[in-house]
Amino acid sequence: MKLIVAVVQDKDAIKLIEALLVKGYRATKLASTGGFLKEGNTTLLVGTDSSKVPEVLGVIRRTCKSREQLVTPLTPVGGPVDSYVPYPVEVVVGGATVFVLNVEHYEKV
């Protein structure tokens, strides 16, 4: 048994949950916040048999796409503010960060 922990951008979360449900997988949705952009993320927990992990990862890959976004960097804490000019920069966001963990015991009550 495996536990798949997928951290995805909020924009992709609903589509991913729907795609997982179509394939017969259930997921637990947790609200989370990214450390770099300080924007909302969604963390999904999916429990499945080891043999089904590649299929779940395929659904995640097809659903969660990377995209470019303009962001204005935050003012540095404790640094010289007078030399800081907040120009928007383009960063790649989206996609998914996925962890696959072994589950020693599982019970559905």
PDB file of N, CA and C in Angstrom:
ATOM      1  N   MET A   1       0.844  -1.173   0.000  1.00  0.00           N
ATOM      2  CA  MET A   1       0.000   0.000   0.000  1.00  0.00           C
ATOM      3  C   MET A   1       0.885   1.230   0.000  1.00  0.00           C
ATOM      4  N   LYS A   2       0.468   2.247  -0.758  1.00  0.00           N
ATOM      5  CA  LYS A   2       1.228   3.490  -0.865  1.00  0.00           C
ATOM      6  C   LYS A   2       0.326   4.674  -0.538  1.00  0.00           C
ATOM      7  N   LEU A   3       0.933   5.725  -0.023  1.00  0.00           N
ATOM      8  CA  LEU A   3       0.270   7.006   0.179  1.00  0.00           C
ATOM      9  C   LEU A   3       0.945   8.003  -0.735  1.00  0.00           C
ATOM     10  N   ILE A   4       0.172   8.573  -1.644  1.00  0.00           N
ATOM     11  CA  ILE A   4       0.691   9.588  -2.563  1.00  0.00           C
ATOM     12  C   ILE A   4       0.284  10.947  -2.016  1.00  0.00           C
ATOM     13  N   VAL A   5       1.275  11.788  -1.758  1.00  0.00           N
ATOM     14  CA  VAL A   5       1.046  13.150  -1.279  1.00  0.00           C
ATOM     15  C   VAL A   5       1.420  14.072  -2.436  1.00  0.00           C
ATOM     16  N   ALA A   6       0.430  14.771  -2.982  1.00  0.00           N
ATOM     17  CA  ALA A   6       0.659  15.644  -4.133  1.00  0.00           C
ATOM     18  C   ALA A   6       0.325  17.079  -3.755  1.00  0.00           C
ATOM     19  N   VAL A   7       1.308  17.961  -3.872  1.00  0.00           N
ATOM     20  CA  VAL A   7       1.100  19.387  -3.621  1.00  0.00           C
ATOM     21  C   VAL A   7       0.945  20.051  -4.980  1.00  0.00           C
ATOM     22  N   VAL A   8      -0.241  20.629  -5.217  1.00  0.00           N
ATOM     23  CA  VAL A   8      -0.550  21.228  -6.518  1.00  0.00           C
ATOM     24  C   VAL A   8      -1.057  22.650  -6.327  1.00  0.00           C
ATOM     25  N   GLN A   9      -0.994  23.421  -7.397  1.00  0.00           N
ATOM     26  CA  GLN A   9      -1.506  24.785  -7.351  1.00  0.00           C
ATOM     27  C   GLN A   9      -3.033  24.737  -7.265  1.00  0.00           C
ATOM     28  N   ASP A  10      -3.612  25.672  -6.522  1.00  0.00           N
ATOM     29  CA  ASP A  10      -5.067  25.701  -6.357  1.00  0.00           C
ATOM     30  C   ASP A  10      -5.798  25.665  -7.696  1.00  0.00           C
ATOM     31  N   LYS A  11      -5.234  26.298  -8.714  1.00  0.00           N
ATOM     32  CA  LYS A  11      -5.876  26.342 -10.032  1.00  0.00           C
ATOM     33  C   LYS A  11      -6.047  24.956 -10.642  1.00  0.00           C
ATOM     34  N   ASP A  12      -5.199  24.017 -10.270  1.00  0.00           N
ATOM     35  CA  ASP A  12      -5.252  22.660 -10.826  1.00  0.00           C
ATOM     36  C   ASP A  12      -6.001  21.671  -9.942  1.00  0.00           C
ATOM     37  N   ALA A  13      -6.292  22.042  -8.708  1.00  0.00           N
ATOM     38  CA  ALA A  13      -6.803  21.085  -7.727  1.00  0.00           C
ATOM     39  C   ALA A  13      -8.147  20.483  -8.111  1.00  0.00           C
ATOM     40  N   ILE A  14      -9.108  21.296  -8.500  1.00  0.00           N
ATOM     41  CA  ILE A  14     -10.446  20.784  -8.813  1.00  0.00           C
ATOM     42  C   ILE A  14     -10.384  19.829 -10.003  1.00  0.00           C
ATOM     43  N   LYS A  15      -9.643  20.225 -11.049  1.00  0.00           N
ATOM     44  CA  LYS A  15      -9.514  19.350 -12.225  1.00  0.00           C
ATOM     45  C   LYS A  15      -8.856  18.028 -11.857  1.00  0.00           C
ATOM     46  N   LEU A  16      -7.855  18.086 -10.983  1.00  0.00           N
ATOM     47  CA  LEU A  16      -7.163  16.863 -10.581  1.00  0.00           C
ATOM     48  C   LEU A  16      -8.087  15.952  -9.771  1.00  0.00           C
ATOM     49  N   ILE A  17      -8.826  16.507  -8.837  1.00  0.00           N
ATOM     50  CA  ILE A  17      -9.753  15.694  -8.039  1.00  0.00           C
ATOM     51  C   ILE A  17     -10.785  15.037  -8.946  1.00  0.00           C
ATOM     52  N   GLU A  18     -11.330  15.791  -9.898  1.00  0.00           N
ATOM     53  CA  GLU A  18     -12.306  15.227 -10.831  1.00  0.00           C
ATOM     54  C   GLU A  18     -11.689  14.108 -11.672  1.00  0.00           C
ATOM     55  N   ALA A  19     -10.464  14.319 -12.154  1.00  0.00           N
ATOM     56  CA  ALA A  19      -9.791  13.305 -12.971  1.00  0.00           C
ATOM     57  C   ALA A  19      -9.508  12.048 -12.156  1.00  0.00           C
ATOM     58  N   LEU A  20      -9.145  12.203 -10.894  1.00  0.00           N
ATOM     59  CA  LEU A  20      -8.908  11.047 -10.037  1.00  0.00           C
ATOM     60  C   LEU A  20     -10.206  10.281  -9.782  1.00  0.00           C
ATOM     61  N   LEU A  21     -11.296  11.015  -9.550  1.00  0.00           N
ATOM     62  CA  LEU A  21     -12.591  10.365  -9.310  1.00  0.00           C
ATOM     63  C   LEU A  21     -13.058   9.577 -10.525  1.00  0.00           C
ATOM     64  N   VAL A  22     -12.834  10.119 -11.730  1.00  0.00           N
ATOM     65  CA  VAL A  22     -13.209   9.416 -12.956  1.00  0.00           C
ATOM     66  C   VAL A  22     -12.484   8.075 -13.048  1.00  0.00           C
ATOM     67  N   LYS A  23     -11.243   8.034 -12.592  1.00  0.00           N
ATOM     68  CA  LYS A  23     -10.450   6.798 -12.632  1.00  0.00           C
ATOM     69  C   LYS A  23     -10.703   5.888 -11.426  1.00  0.00           C
ATOM     70  N   GLY A  24     -11.579   6.329 -10.512  1.00  0.00           N
ATOM     71  CA  GLY A  24     -11.926   5.496  -9.372  1.00  0.00           C
ATOM     72  C   GLY A  24     -11.084   5.708  -8.127  1.00  0.00           C
ATOM     73  N   TYR A  25     -10.317   6.781  -8.073  1.00  0.00           N
ATOM     74  CA  TYR A  25      -9.481   7.073  -6.908  1.00  0.00           C
ATOM     75  C   TYR A  25     -10.138   8.159  -6.068  1.00  0.00           C
ATOM     76  N   ARG A  26     -10.044   7.984  -4.760  1.00  0.00           N
ATOM     77  CA  ARG A  26     -10.544   9.003  -3.849  1.00  0.00           C
ATOM     78  C   ARG A  26      -9.348   9.732  -3.262  1.00  0.00           C
ATOM     79  N   ALA A  27      -9.561  11.010  -2.939  1.00  0.00           N
ATOM     80  CA  ALA A  27      -8.471  11.810  -2.400  1.00  0.00           C
ATOM     81  C   ALA A  27      -8.979  12.655  -1.245  1.00  0.00           C
ATOM     82  N   THR A  28      -8.102  12.921  -0.310  1.00  0.00           N
ATOM     83  CA  THR A  28      -8.388  13.854   0.776  1.00  0.00           C
ATOM     84  C   THR A  28      -7.680  15.156   0.445  1.00  0.00           C
ATOM     85  N   LYS A  29      -8.433  16.250   0.489  1.00  0.00           N
ATOM     86  CA  LYS A  29      -7.914  17.567   0.109  1.00  0.00           C
ATOM     87  C   LYS A  29      -7.575  18.364   1.361  1.00  0.00           C
ATOM     88  N   LEU A  30      -6.348  18.895   1.397  1.00  0.00           N
ATOM     89  CA  LEU A  30      -5.897  19.747   2.491  1.00  0.00           C
ATOM     90  C   LEU A  30      -5.468  21.096   1.920  1.00  0.00           C
ATOM     91  N   ALA A  31      -5.902  22.177   2.525  1.00  0.00           N
ATOM     92  CA  ALA A  31      -5.438  23.504   2.111  1.00  0.00           C
ATOM     93  C   ALA A  31      -4.025  23.707   2.642  1.00  0.00           C
ATOM     94  N   SER A  32      -3.156  24.281   1.811  1.00  0.00           N
ATOM     95  CA  SER A  32      -1.783  24.547   2.230  1.00  0.00           C
ATOM     96  C   SER A  32      -1.314  25.830   1.562  1.00  0.00           C
ATOM     97  N   THR A  33      -0.190  26.347   2.013  1.00  0.00           N
ATOM     98  CA  THR A  33       0.359  27.586   1.463  1.00  0.00           C
ATOM     99  C   THR A  33       1.800  27.358   1.067  1.00  0.00           C
ATOM    100  N   GLY A  34       2.156  27.816  -0.138  1.00  0.00           N
ATOM    101  CA  GLY A  34       3.523  27.674  -0.611  1.00  0.00           C
ATOM    102  C   GLY A  34       4.459  28.632   0.101  1.00  0.00           C
ATOM    103  N   GLY A  35       5.691  28.210   0.306  1.00  0.00           N
ATOM    104  CA  GLY A  35       6.663  29.035   1.012  1.00  0.00           C
ATOM    105  C   GLY A  35       7.293  30.110   0.156  1.00  0.00           C
ATOM    106  N   PHE A  36       7.416  29.882  -1.148  1.00  0.00           N
ATOM    107  CA  PHE A  36       8.115  30.835  -2.006  1.00  0.00           C
ATOM    108  C   PHE A  36       7.206  31.986  -2.424  1.00  0.00           C
ATOM    109  N   LEU A  37       6.072  31.687  -3.002  1.00  0.00           N
ATOM    110  CA  LEU A  37       5.167  32.733  -3.488  1.00  0.00           C
ATOM    111  C   LEU A  37       4.116  33.124  -2.462  1.00  0.00           C
ATOM    112  N   LYS A  38       4.027  32.402  -1.372  1.00  0.00           N
ATOM    113  CA  LYS A  38       3.037  32.657  -0.324  1.00  0.00           C
ATOM    114  C   LYS A  38       1.615  32.593  -0.862  1.00  0.00           C
ATOM    115  N   GLU A  39       1.382  31.747  -1.849  1.00  0.00           N
ATOM    116  CA  GLU A  39       0.065  31.586  -2.443  1.00  0.00           C
ATOM    117  C   GLU A  39      -0.527  30.258  -2.009  1.00  0.00           C
ATOM    118  N   GLY A  40      -1.845  30.142  -2.165  1.00  0.00           N
ATOM    119  CA  GLY A  40      -2.536  28.930  -1.784  1.00  0.00           C
ATOM    120  C   GLY A  40      -2.170  27.752  -2.660  1.00  0.00           C
ATOM    121  N   ASN A  41      -1.994  26.629  -2.030  1.00  0.00           N
ATOM    122  CA  ASN A  41      -1.781  25.350  -2.699  1.00  0.00           C
ATOM    123  C   ASN A  41      -2.827  24.388  -2.178  1.00  0.00           C
ATOM    124  N   THR A  42      -2.912  23.252  -2.807  1.00  0.00           N
ATOM    125  CA  THR A  42      -3.748  22.175  -2.307  1.00  0.00           C
ATOM    126  C   THR A  42      -2.863  20.945  -2.186  1.00  0.00           C
ATOM    127  N   THR A  43      -2.948  20.280  -1.050  1.00  0.00           N
ATOM    128  CA  THR A  43      -2.230  19.039  -0.843  1.00  0.00           C
ATOM    129  C   THR A  43      -3.257  17.919  -0.873  1.00  0.00           C
ATOM    130  N   LEU A  44      -3.057  16.958  -1.770  1.00  0.00           N
ATOM    131  CA  LEU A  44      -3.964  15.824  -1.896  1.00  0.00           C
ATOM    132  C   LEU A  44      -3.293  14.572  -1.355  1.00  0.00           C
ATOM    133  N   LEU A  45      -4.062  13.795  -0.609  1.00  0.00           N
ATOM    134  CA  LEU A  45      -3.600  12.510  -0.094  1.00  0.00           C
ATOM    135  C   LEU A  45      -4.384  11.423  -0.811  1.00  0.00           C
ATOM    136  N   VAL A  46      -3.672  10.515  -1.475  1.00  0.00           N
ATOM    137  CA  VAL A  46      -4.308   9.426  -2.211  1.00  0.00           C
ATOM    138  C   VAL A  46      -3.682   8.113  -1.753  1.00  0.00           C
ATOM    139  N   GLY A  47      -4.500   7.235  -1.199  1.00  0.00           N
ATOM    140  CA  GLY A  47      -4.029   5.913  -0.819  1.00  0.00           C
ATOM    141  C   GLY A  47      -4.371   4.921  -1.921  1.00  0.00           C
ATOM    142  N   THR A  48      -3.396   4.088  -2.286  1.00  0.00           N
ATOM    143  CA  THR A  48      -3.638   3.124  -3.362  1.00  0.00           C
ATOM    144  C   THR A  48      -2.680   1.946  -3.256  1.00  0.00           C
ATOM    145  N   ASP A  49      -2.993   0.887  -3.985  1.00  0.00           N
ATOM    146  CA  ASP A  49      -2.084  -0.253  -4.074  1.00  0.00           C
ATOM    147  C   ASP A  49      -0.819   0.155  -4.823  1.00  0.00           C
ATOM    148  N   SER A  50       0.265  -0.493  -4.513  1.00  0.00           N
ATOM    149  CA  SER A  50       1.554  -0.186  -5.153  1.00  0.00           C
ATOM    150  C   SER A  50       1.476  -0.280  -6.669  1.00  0.00           C
ATOM    151  N   SER A  51       0.706  -1.226  -7.173  1.00  0.00           N
ATOM    152  CA  SER A  51       0.617  -1.415  -8.629  1.00  0.00           C
ATOM    153  C   SER A  51      -0.111  -0.276  -9.334  1.00  0.00           C
ATOM    154  N   LYS A  52      -0.874   0.513  -8.594  1.00  0.00           N
ATOM    155  CA  LYS A  52      -1.664   1.603  -9.189  1.00  0.00           C
ATOM    156  C   LYS A  52      -0.940   2.955  -9.154  1.00  0.00           C
ATOM    157  N   VAL A  53       0.216   3.021  -8.512  1.00  0.00           N
ATOM    158  CA  VAL A  53       0.947   4.283  -8.391  1.00  0.00           C
ATOM    159  C   VAL A  53       1.261   4.905  -9.759  1.00  0.00           C
ATOM    160  N   PRO A  54       1.763   4.148 -10.751  1.00  0.00           N
ATOM    161  CA  PRO A  54       2.038   4.769 -12.052  1.00  0.00           C
ATOM    162  C   PRO A  54       0.796   5.395 -12.697  1.00  0.00           C
ATOM    163  N   GLU A  55      -0.370   4.767 -12.522  1.00  0.00           N
ATOM    164  CA  GLU A  55      -1.595   5.326 -13.095  1.00  0.00           C
ATOM    165  C   GLU A  55      -1.966   6.648 -12.422  1.00  0.00           C
ATOM    166  N   VAL A  56      -1.869   6.699 -11.088  1.00  0.00           N
ATOM    167  CA  VAL A  56      -2.162   7.939 -10.368  1.00  0.00           C
ATOM    168  C   VAL A  56      -1.183   9.029 -10.773  1.00  0.00           C
ATOM    169  N   LEU A  57       0.102   8.695 -10.874  1.00  0.00           N
ATOM    170  CA  LEU A  57       1.102   9.689 -11.290  1.00  0.00           C
ATOM    171  C   LEU A  57       0.821  10.183 -12.707  1.00  0.00           C
ATOM    172  N   GLY A  58       0.332   9.321 -13.573  1.00  0.00           N
ATOM    173  CA  GLY A  58      -0.027   9.727 -14.927  1.00  0.00           C
ATOM    174  C   GLY A  58      -1.169  10.722 -14.927  1.00  0.00           C
ATOM    175  N   VAL A  59      -2.172  10.501 -14.080  1.00  0.00           N
ATOM    176  CA  VAL A  59      -3.291  11.443 -13.968  1.00  0.00           C
ATOM    177  C   VAL A  59      -2.777  12.799 -13.488  1.00  0.00           C
ATOM    178  N   ILE A  60      -1.889  12.780 -12.506  1.00  0.00           N
ATOM    179  CA  ILE A  60      -1.328  14.035 -11.989  1.00  0.00           C
ATOM    180  C   ILE A  60      -0.538  14.753 -13.083  1.00  0.00           C
ATOM    181  N   ARG A  61       0.291  14.034 -13.823  1.00  0.00           N
ATOM    182  CA  ARG A  61       1.097  14.651 -14.895  1.00  0.00           C
ATOM    183  C   ARG A  61       0.223  15.274 -15.985  1.00  0.00           C
ATOM    184  N   ARG A  62      -0.851  14.579 -16.350  1.00  0.00           N
ATOM    185  CA  ARG A  62      -1.729  15.087 -17.410  1.00  0.00           C
ATOM    186  C   ARG A  62      -2.547  16.293 -16.961  1.00  0.00           C
ATOM    187  N   THR A  63      -2.817  16.391 -15.680  1.00  0.00           N
ATOM    188  CA  THR A  63      -3.719  17.424 -15.173  1.00  0.00           C
ATOM    189  C   THR A  63      -2.996  18.672 -14.693  1.00  0.00           C
ATOM    190  N   CYS A  64      -1.859  18.521 -14.052  1.00  0.00           N
ATOM    191  CA  CYS A  64      -1.166  19.647 -13.412  1.00  0.00           C
ATOM    192  C   CYS A  64      -0.022  20.121 -14.292  1.00  0.00           C
ATOM    193  N   LYS A  65      -0.242  21.204 -14.991  1.00  0.00           N
ATOM    194  CA  LYS A  65       0.744  21.731 -15.930  1.00  0.00           C
ATOM    195  C   LYS A  65       1.475  22.936 -15.343  1.00  0.00           C
ATOM    196  N   SER A  66       2.740  23.059 -15.691  1.00  0.00           N
ATOM    197  CA  SER A  66       3.510  24.243 -15.301  1.00  0.00           C
ATOM    198  C   SER A  66       3.127  25.407 -16.191  1.00  0.00           C
ATOM    199  N   ARG A  67       3.206  26.606 -15.630  1.00  0.00           N
ATOM    200  CA  ARG A  67       2.914  27.828 -16.389  1.00  0.00           C
ATOM    201  C   ARG A  67       3.794  28.954 -15.865  1.00  0.00           C
ATOM    202  N   GLU A  68       3.962  29.974 -16.669  1.00  0.00           N
ATOM    203  CA  GLU A  68       4.761  31.126 -16.239  1.00  0.00           C
ATOM    204  C   GLU A  68       3.830  32.194 -15.682  1.00  0.00           C
ATOM    205  N   GLN A  69       4.306  32.884 -14.630  1.00  0.00           N
ATOM    206  CA  GLN A  69       3.501  33.895 -13.967  1.00  0.00           C
ATOM    207  C   GLN A  69       4.401  35.046 -13.546  1.00  0.00           C
ATOM    208  N   LEU A  70       3.920  36.266 -13.685  1.00  0.00           N
ATOM    209  CA  LEU A  70       4.653  37.427 -13.207  1.00  0.00           C
ATOM    210  C   LEU A  70       4.357  37.643 -11.738  1.00  0.00           C
ATOM    211  N   VAL A  71       5.403  37.789 -10.936  1.00  0.00           N
ATOM    212  CA  VAL A  71       5.238  38.055  -9.509  1.00  0.00           C
ATOM    213  C   VAL A  71       6.161  39.192  -9.110  1.00  0.00           C
ATOM    214  N   THR A  72       5.737  39.941  -8.102  1.00  0.00           N
ATOM    215  CA  THR A  72       6.570  41.002  -7.547  1.00  0.00           C
ATOM    216  C   THR A  72       7.198  40.461  -6.271  1.00  0.00           C
ATOM    217  N   PRO A  73       8.521  40.399  -6.218  1.00  0.00           N
ATOM    218  CA  PRO A  73       9.188  39.856  -5.025  1.00  0.00           C
ATOM    219  C   PRO A  73       8.847  40.677  -3.784  1.00  0.00           C
ATOM    220  N   LEU A  74       8.805  39.987  -2.636  1.00  0.00           N
ATOM    221  CA  LEU A  74       8.537  40.660  -1.376  1.00  0.00           C
ATOM    222  C   LEU A  74       9.754  41.467  -0.941  1.00  0.00           C
ATOM    223  N   THR A  75       9.515  42.523  -0.165  1.00  0.00           N
ATOM    224  CA  THR A  75      10.597  43.340   0.375  1.00  0.00           C
ATOM    225  C   THR A  75      11.438  42.487   1.318  1.00  0.00           C
ATOM    226  N   PRO A  76      12.781  42.536   1.182  1.00  0.00           N
ATOM    227  CA  PRO A  76      13.620  41.717   2.053  1.00  0.00           C
ATOM    228  C   PRO A  76      13.497  42.149   3.516  1.00  0.00           C
ATOM    229  N   VAL A  77      13.434  41.177   4.413  1.00  0.00           N
ATOM    230  CA  VAL A  77      13.330  41.463   5.842  1.00  0.00           C
ATOM    231  C   VAL A  77      14.730  41.691   6.395  1.00  0.00           C
ATOM    232  N   GLY A  78      14.919  42.844   7.039  1.00  0.00           N
ATOM    233  CA  GLY A  78      16.197  43.126   7.673  1.00  0.00           C
ATOM    234  C   GLY A  78      17.270  43.621   6.725  1.00  0.00           C
ATOM    235  N   GLY A  79      16.955  43.719   5.445  1.00  0.00           N
ATOM    236  CA  GLY A  79      17.938  44.191   4.472  1.00  0.00           C
ATOM    237  C   GLY A  79      17.723  45.659   4.141  1.00  0.00           C
ATOM    238  N   PRO A  80      18.641  46.245   3.355  1.00  0.00           N
ATOM    239  CA  PRO A  80      18.495  47.648   2.969  1.00  0.00           C
ATOM    240  C   PRO A  80      17.314  47.835   2.006  1.00  0.00           C
ATOM    241  N   VAL A  81      16.289  48.518   2.452  1.00  0.00           N
ATOM    242  CA  VAL A  81      15.074  48.712   1.665  1.00  0.00           C
ATOM    243  C   VAL A  81      15.279  49.782   0.595  1.00  0.00           C
ATOM    244  N   ASP A  82      16.159  50.755   0.842  1.00  0.00           N
ATOM    245  CA  ASP A  82      16.338  51.854  -0.110  1.00  0.00           C
ATOM    246  C   ASP A  82      16.906  51.396  -1.449  1.00  0.00           C
ATOM    247  N   SER A  83      17.629  50.284  -1.485  1.00  0.00           N
ATOM    248  CA  SER A  83      18.191  49.785  -2.739  1.00  0.00           C
ATOM    249  C   SER A  83      17.295  48.743  -3.403  1.00  0.00           C
ATOM    250  N   TYR A  84      16.193  48.412  -2.763  1.00  0.00           N
ATOM    251  CA  TYR A  84      15.297  47.372  -3.271  1.00  0.00           C
ATOM    252  C   TYR A  84      14.253  47.984  -4.199  1.00  0.00           C
ATOM    253  N   VAL A  85      14.199  47.505  -5.445  1.00  0.00           N
ATOM    254  CA  VAL A  85      13.199  47.956  -6.397  1.00  0.00           C
ATOM    255  C   VAL A  85      12.357  46.751  -6.788  1.00  0.00           C
ATOM    256  N   PRO A  86      11.065  46.773  -6.456  1.00  0.00           N
ATOM    257  CA  PRO A  86      10.230  45.587  -6.684  1.00  0.00           C
ATOM    258  C   PRO A  86       9.766  45.438  -8.132  1.00  0.00           C
ATOM    259  N   TYR A  87      10.654  44.996  -9.020  1.00  0.00           N
ATOM    260  CA  TYR A  87      10.278  44.734 -10.404  1.00  0.00           C
ATOM    261  C   TYR A  87       9.641  43.354 -10.502  1.00  0.00           C
ATOM    262  N   PRO A  88       8.565  43.249 -11.256  1.00  0.00           N
ATOM    263  CA  PRO A  88       7.985  41.919 -11.444  1.00  0.00           C
ATOM    264  C   PRO A  88       8.969  41.001 -12.164  1.00  0.00           C
ATOM    265  N   VAL A  89       9.005  39.761 -11.748  1.00  0.00           N
ATOM    266  CA  VAL A  89       9.842  38.754 -12.392  1.00  0.00           C
ATOM    267  C   VAL A  89       8.951  37.596 -12.822  1.00  0.00           C
ATOM    268  N   GLU A  90       9.369  36.915 -13.862  1.00  0.00           N
ATOM    269  CA  GLU A  90       8.603  35.786 -14.368  1.00  0.00           C
ATOM    270  C   GLU A  90       9.134  34.508 -13.740  1.00  0.00           C
ATOM    271  N   VAL A  91       8.235  33.732 -13.137  1.00  0.00           N
ATOM    272  CA  VAL A  91       8.615  32.469 -12.515  1.00  0.00           C
ATOM    273  C   VAL A  91       7.709  31.363 -13.048  1.00  0.00           C
ATOM    274  N   VAL A  92       8.196  30.146 -12.983  1.00  0.00           N
ATOM    275  CA  VAL A  92       7.406  28.988 -13.392  1.00  0.00           C
ATOM    276  C   VAL A  92       6.640  28.493 -12.166  1.00  0.00           C
ATOM    277  N   VAL A  93       5.320  28.374 -12.296  1.00  0.00           N
ATOM    278  CA  VAL A  93       4.471  27.880 -11.215  1.00  0.00           C
ATOM    279  C   VAL A  93       3.655  26.704 -11.729  1.00  0.00           C
ATOM    280  N   GLY A  94       2.977  26.059 -10.851  1.00  0.00           N
ATOM    281  CA  GLY A  94       2.121  24.945 -11.256  1.00  0.00           C
ATOM    282  C   GLY A  94       2.874  23.641 -11.242  1.00  0.00           C
ATOM    283  N   GLY A  95       2.346  22.698 -11.991  1.00  0.00           N
ATOM    284  CA  GLY A  95       2.912  21.359 -11.933  1.00  0.00           C
ATOM    285  C   GLY A  95       2.518  20.722 -10.617  1.00  0.00           C
ATOM    286  N   ALA A  96       3.302  19.826 -10.128  1.00  0.00           N
ATOM    287  CA  ALA A  96       3.009  19.164  -8.861  1.00  0.00           C
ATOM    288  C   ALA A  96       4.301  18.699  -8.210  1.00  0.00           C
ATOM    289  N   THR A  97       4.305  18.711  -6.903  1.00  0.00           N
ATOM    290  CA  THR A  97       5.370  18.085  -6.135  1.00  0.00           C
ATOM    291  C   THR A  97       4.740  16.863  -5.488  1.00  0.00           C
ATOM    292  N   VAL A  98       5.289  15.688  -5.778  1.00  0.00           N
ATOM    293  CA  VAL A  98       4.644  14.446  -5.380  1.00  0.00           C
ATOM    294  C   VAL A  98       5.602  13.595  -4.543  1.00  0.00           C
ATOM    295  N   PHE A  99       5.079  13.082  -3.452  1.00  0.00           N
ATOM    296  CA  PHE A  99       5.806  12.150  -2.599  1.00  0.00           C
ATOM    297  C   PHE A  99       5.031  10.837  -2.583  1.00  0.00           C
ATOM    298  N   VAL A 100       5.728   9.720  -2.724  1.00  0.00           N
ATOM    299  CA  VAL A 100       5.099   8.403  -2.640  1.00  0.00           C
ATOM    300  C   VAL A 100       5.702   7.711  -1.423  1.00  0.00           C
ATOM    301  N   LEU A 101       4.829   7.412  -0.450  1.00  0.00           N
ATOM    302  CA  LEU A 101       5.281   6.865   0.827  1.00  0.00           C
ATOM    303  C   LEU A 101       4.739   5.458   1.030  1.00  0.00           C
ATOM    304  N   ASN A 102       5.534   4.628   1.669  1.00  0.00           N
ATOM    305  CA  ASN A 102       5.061   3.296   2.050  1.00  0.00           C
ATOM    306  C   ASN A 102       4.093   3.418   3.225  1.00  0.00           C
ATOM    307  N   VAL A 103       3.044   2.621   3.190  1.00  0.00           N
ATOM    308  CA  VAL A 103       2.071   2.584   4.282  1.00  0.00           C
ATOM    309  C   VAL A 103       2.145   1.202   4.915  1.00  0.00           C
ATOM    310  N   GLU A 104       2.473   1.180   6.182  1.00  0.00           N
ATOM    311  CA  GLU A 104       2.613  -0.092   6.876  1.00  0.00           C
ATOM    312  C   GLU A 104       1.256  -0.704   7.224  1.00  0.00           C
ATOM    313  N   HIS A 105       0.301   0.148   7.590  1.00  0.00           N
ATOM    314  CA  HIS A 105      -1.014  -0.347   7.983  1.00  0.00           C
ATOM    315  C   HIS A 105      -2.069   0.638   7.525  1.00  0.00           C
ATOM    316  N   TYR A 106      -3.201   0.116   7.075  1.00  0.00           N
ATOM    317  CA  TYR A 106      -4.302   0.939   6.592  1.00  0.00           C
ATOM    318  C   TYR A 106      -5.617   0.333   7.057  1.00  0.00           C
ATOM    319  N   GLU A 107      -6.502   1.157   7.582  1.00  0.00           N
ATOM    320  CA  GLU A 107      -7.832   0.712   7.987  1.00  0.00           C
ATOM    321  C   GLU A 107      -8.851   1.740   7.549  1.00  0.00           C
ATOM    322  N   LYS A 108      -9.954   1.260   7.042  1.00  0.00           N
ATOM    323  CA  LYS A 108     -11.073   2.134   6.724  1.00  0.00           C
ATOM    324  C   LYS A 108     -12.176   1.799   7.705  1.00  0.00           C
ATOM    325  N   VAL A 109     -12.546   2.747   8.544  1.00  0.00           N
ATOM    326  CA  VAL A 109     -13.517   2.513   9.613  1.00  0.00           C
ATOM    327  C   VAL A 109     -14.862   3.088   9.220  1.00  0.00           C
TER     328      VAL A 109
END
